Protein backbone atom coordinates (compact mmCIF):
# COMPACT_ATOMS: atom_id res chain seq x y z
CA UNK A 1 42.10 -28.61 77.15
CA UNK A 2 41.61 -28.68 73.67
CA UNK A 3 39.25 -25.58 73.79
CA UNK A 4 41.89 -23.61 75.27
CA UNK A 5 44.78 -24.70 73.22
CA UNK A 6 43.01 -24.23 69.94
CA UNK A 7 41.39 -20.69 71.22
CA UNK A 8 37.99 -21.92 70.49
CA UNK A 9 34.57 -20.50 71.69
CA UNK A 10 32.51 -22.74 74.04
CA UNK A 11 29.08 -24.13 73.12
CA UNK A 12 27.47 -21.84 75.41
CA UNK A 13 29.19 -18.76 73.92
CA UNK A 14 28.47 -19.90 70.29
CA UNK A 15 24.65 -20.46 71.25
CA UNK A 16 24.45 -16.86 72.94
CA UNK A 17 26.25 -15.39 69.63
CA UNK A 18 23.64 -17.12 67.46
CA UNK A 19 20.64 -15.97 69.71
CA UNK A 20 21.78 -12.47 69.59
CA UNK A 21 22.23 -12.50 65.84
CA UNK A 22 18.85 -13.63 65.57
CA UNK A 23 17.45 -11.05 67.92
CA UNK A 24 19.12 -8.28 65.78
CA UNK A 25 17.51 -9.73 62.41
CA UNK A 26 13.95 -9.77 64.42
CA UNK A 27 14.53 -6.19 65.48
CA UNK A 28 15.65 -4.96 61.99
CA UNK A 29 12.96 -6.78 60.17
CA UNK A 30 15.51 -8.93 58.44
CA UNK A 31 13.60 -12.12 59.57
CA UNK A 32 9.60 -12.22 59.61
CA UNK A 33 8.65 -14.37 62.22
CA UNK A 34 4.99 -15.29 63.07
CA UNK A 35 4.94 -15.73 66.99
CA UNK A 36 2.43 -17.74 68.71
CA UNK A 37 2.87 -15.30 71.73
CA UNK A 38 4.13 -12.10 70.65
CA UNK A 39 7.81 -11.01 71.09
CA UNK A 40 8.07 -8.68 74.26
CA UNK A 41 7.48 -5.36 73.17
CA UNK A 42 10.46 -2.87 72.42
CA UNK A 43 9.90 -0.45 75.23
CA UNK A 44 11.58 3.05 75.69
CA UNK A 45 14.14 2.67 78.46
CA UNK A 46 14.96 5.23 80.87
CA UNK A 47 18.59 4.15 81.56
CA UNK A 48 20.70 6.79 79.82
CA UNK A 49 23.82 4.69 80.08
CA UNK A 50 22.67 1.97 77.68
CA UNK A 51 20.89 2.07 74.07
CA UNK A 52 17.17 3.50 73.86
CA UNK A 53 15.40 0.47 73.33
CA UNK A 54 14.95 -2.84 75.20
CA UNK A 55 12.64 -5.84 75.48
CA UNK A 56 10.47 -6.64 78.28
CA UNK A 57 10.81 -10.10 79.78
CA UNK A 58 7.85 -12.38 79.91
CA UNK A 59 6.46 -13.11 83.37
CA UNK A 60 6.92 -17.01 83.92
CA UNK A 61 5.39 -18.55 87.02
CA UNK A 62 4.21 -22.02 86.26
CA UNK A 63 6.09 -23.03 83.27
CA UNK A 64 9.76 -23.78 83.70
CA UNK A 65 9.99 -24.78 80.08
CA UNK A 66 9.08 -21.27 78.99
CA UNK A 67 11.90 -19.69 80.94
CA UNK A 68 14.43 -21.16 78.48
CA UNK A 69 12.55 -20.05 75.37
CA UNK A 70 14.27 -17.75 73.06
CA UNK A 71 12.43 -14.48 74.10
CA UNK A 72 13.46 -15.15 77.68
CA UNK A 73 16.69 -16.32 77.13
CA UNK A 74 18.08 -13.56 75.03
CA UNK A 75 16.25 -10.48 76.80
CA UNK A 76 18.74 -9.74 79.71
CA UNK A 77 21.59 -9.81 77.57
CA UNK A 78 20.03 -7.93 74.73
CA UNK A 79 19.06 -5.21 77.19
CA UNK A 80 22.42 -4.96 78.73
CA UNK A 81 24.57 -4.56 75.59
CA UNK A 82 26.52 -1.48 74.98
CA UNK A 83 25.51 1.04 72.48
């Protein structure tokens, strides 16, 4: 495969990297975004093995499209990142 031979990242990896960069900008007030639905609040976390703050994932029941929105797509990865 060309990706392996050229040591390129996959589309999924590039998309995730871009999402996490955008999340960092939002958290550090480098980007001002007016949300229709507010971003999940930064909540104090009690897990001492990770960083101090994480996002709460939005509860999605009847809207499968909402499950793949930026906020829901990045929450798990953001909350499990190392310090």
